[in-house]
């Protein structure tokens, strides 16, 4: 799925992340912004769609990230 950079959610600038992981038990957003800490920044499932998402304020172009899928 990917990311949409520099959205404004409730007036806050940041990036929306989403990934399709229908069989995941948990998904975390990790990257250089959190020192690759695998237990921080959990993503939320979007109903039964298999999509996990998170809006992260302050992140923009050039941010390195990965998804940790359990």
C-alpha atoms as a PDB file:
ATOM      1  CA  UNK A   1       0.000   0.000   0.000  1.00  0.00           C
ATOM      2  CA  UNK A   2       2.531   2.606   1.055  1.00  0.00           C
ATOM      3  CA  UNK A   3       2.359   6.091   2.405  1.00  0.00           C
ATOM      4  CA  UNK A   4       0.756   9.442   1.697  1.00  0.00           C
ATOM      5  CA  UNK A   5       3.067  12.217   2.748  1.00  0.00           C
ATOM      6  CA  UNK A   6       2.220  15.530   4.348  1.00  0.00           C
ATOM      7  CA  UNK A   7      -1.451  15.177   4.935  1.00  0.00           C
ATOM      8  CA  UNK A   8      -3.212  17.391   7.401  1.00  0.00           C
ATOM      9  CA  UNK A   9      -5.245  15.448   9.918  1.00  0.00           C
ATOM     10  CA  UNK A  10      -7.049  17.750  12.330  1.00  0.00           C
ATOM     11  CA  UNK A  11      -4.626  20.502  11.338  1.00  0.00           C
ATOM     12  CA  UNK A  12      -1.521  18.377  12.008  1.00  0.00           C
ATOM     13  CA  UNK A  13       1.032  17.818   9.231  1.00  0.00           C
ATOM     14  CA  UNK A  14       2.390  14.277   8.871  1.00  0.00           C
ATOM     15  CA  UNK A  15       2.298  11.032   6.917  1.00  0.00           C
ATOM     16  CA  UNK A  16      -0.379   8.354   6.711  1.00  0.00           C
ATOM     17  CA  UNK A  17       0.946   4.797   6.444  1.00  0.00           C
ATOM     18  CA  UNK A  18      -1.083   1.756   5.379  1.00  0.00           C
ATOM     19  CA  UNK A  19      -0.259  -1.850   4.541  1.00  0.00           C
ATOM     20  CA  UNK A  20      -2.390  -4.848   3.573  1.00  0.00           C
ATOM     21  CA  UNK A  21      -1.564  -7.726   5.921  1.00  0.00           C
ATOM     22  CA  UNK A  22      -4.764  -9.790   6.240  1.00  0.00           C
ATOM     23  CA  UNK A  23      -3.281 -12.549   8.405  1.00  0.00           C
ATOM     24  CA  UNK A  24      -1.250 -10.323  10.731  1.00  0.00           C
ATOM     25  CA  UNK A  25      -1.719 -10.436  14.476  1.00  0.00           C
ATOM     26  CA  UNK A  26       0.024  -7.053  14.857  1.00  0.00           C
ATOM     27  CA  UNK A  27       1.798  -4.488  12.691  1.00  0.00           C
ATOM     28  CA  UNK A  28       4.237  -1.837  13.903  1.00  0.00           C
ATOM     29  CA  UNK A  29       5.729   1.114  12.061  1.00  0.00           C
ATOM     30  CA  UNK A  30       9.484   1.248  12.640  1.00  0.00           C
ATOM     31  CA  UNK A  31      12.126   3.561  11.257  1.00  0.00           C
ATOM     32  CA  UNK A  32      14.896   6.042  11.793  1.00  0.00           C
ATOM     33  CA  UNK A  33      12.425   8.293  13.653  1.00  0.00           C
ATOM     34  CA  UNK A  34      12.110   5.762  16.521  1.00  0.00           C
ATOM     35  CA  UNK A  35      15.600   4.204  16.304  1.00  0.00           C
ATOM     36  CA  UNK A  36      14.078   1.084  14.690  1.00  0.00           C
ATOM     37  CA  UNK A  37      12.323   0.139  17.947  1.00  0.00           C
ATOM     38  CA  UNK A  38      10.113  -2.797  16.989  1.00  0.00           C
ATOM     39  CA  UNK A  39       7.550  -2.451  19.783  1.00  0.00           C
ATOM     40  CA  UNK A  40       6.719   1.236  19.352  1.00  0.00           C
ATOM     41  CA  UNK A  41       4.230   2.835  16.943  1.00  0.00           C
ATOM     42  CA  UNK A  42       1.587   0.076  16.638  1.00  0.00           C
ATOM     43  CA  UNK A  43      -0.727   0.284  13.646  1.00  0.00           C
ATOM     44  CA  UNK A  44      -4.501  -0.169  13.842  1.00  0.00           C
ATOM     45  CA  UNK A  45      -6.523  -2.708  11.836  1.00  0.00           C
ATOM     46  CA  UNK A  46      -9.195  -1.148   9.627  1.00  0.00           C
ATOM     47  CA  UNK A  47     -12.128  -3.433  10.398  1.00  0.00           C
ATOM     48  CA  UNK A  48     -11.942  -6.799   8.651  1.00  0.00           C
ATOM     49  CA  UNK A  49     -10.295  -5.400   5.502  1.00  0.00           C
ATOM     50  CA  UNK A  50      -6.804  -6.692   6.271  1.00  0.00           C
ATOM     51  CA  UNK A  51      -5.476  -3.133   6.072  1.00  0.00           C
ATOM     52  CA  UNK A  52      -3.468  -1.720   8.963  1.00  0.00           C
ATOM     53  CA  UNK A  53      -2.942   2.029   9.173  1.00  0.00           C
ATOM     54  CA  UNK A  54      -1.363   4.805  11.216  1.00  0.00           C
ATOM     55  CA  UNK A  55      -1.008   8.571  10.908  1.00  0.00           C
ATOM     56  CA  UNK A  56       2.357   9.789  12.183  1.00  0.00           C
ATOM     57  CA  UNK A  57       2.627  13.536  12.830  1.00  0.00           C
ATOM     58  CA  UNK A  58       5.779  15.342  11.746  1.00  0.00           C
ATOM     59  CA  UNK A  59       7.108  12.679   9.364  1.00  0.00           C
ATOM     60  CA  UNK A  60       7.744  13.584   5.746  1.00  0.00           C
ATOM     61  CA  UNK A  61       9.879  12.905   2.697  1.00  0.00           C
ATOM     62  CA  UNK A  62      13.172  11.127   3.328  1.00  0.00           C
ATOM     63  CA  UNK A  63      12.015   9.258   6.423  1.00  0.00           C
ATOM     64  CA  UNK A  64      13.269   5.676   6.406  1.00  0.00           C
ATOM     65  CA  UNK A  65      10.679   3.137   7.555  1.00  0.00           C
ATOM     66  CA  UNK A  66       9.595  -0.497   7.522  1.00  0.00           C
ATOM     67  CA  UNK A  67       6.626  -2.473   8.760  1.00  0.00           C
ATOM     68  CA  UNK A  68       7.134  -5.132  11.443  1.00  0.00           C
ATOM     69  CA  UNK A  69       4.415  -7.690  10.792  1.00  0.00           C
ATOM     70  CA  UNK A  70       3.669 -10.374  13.342  1.00  0.00           C
END
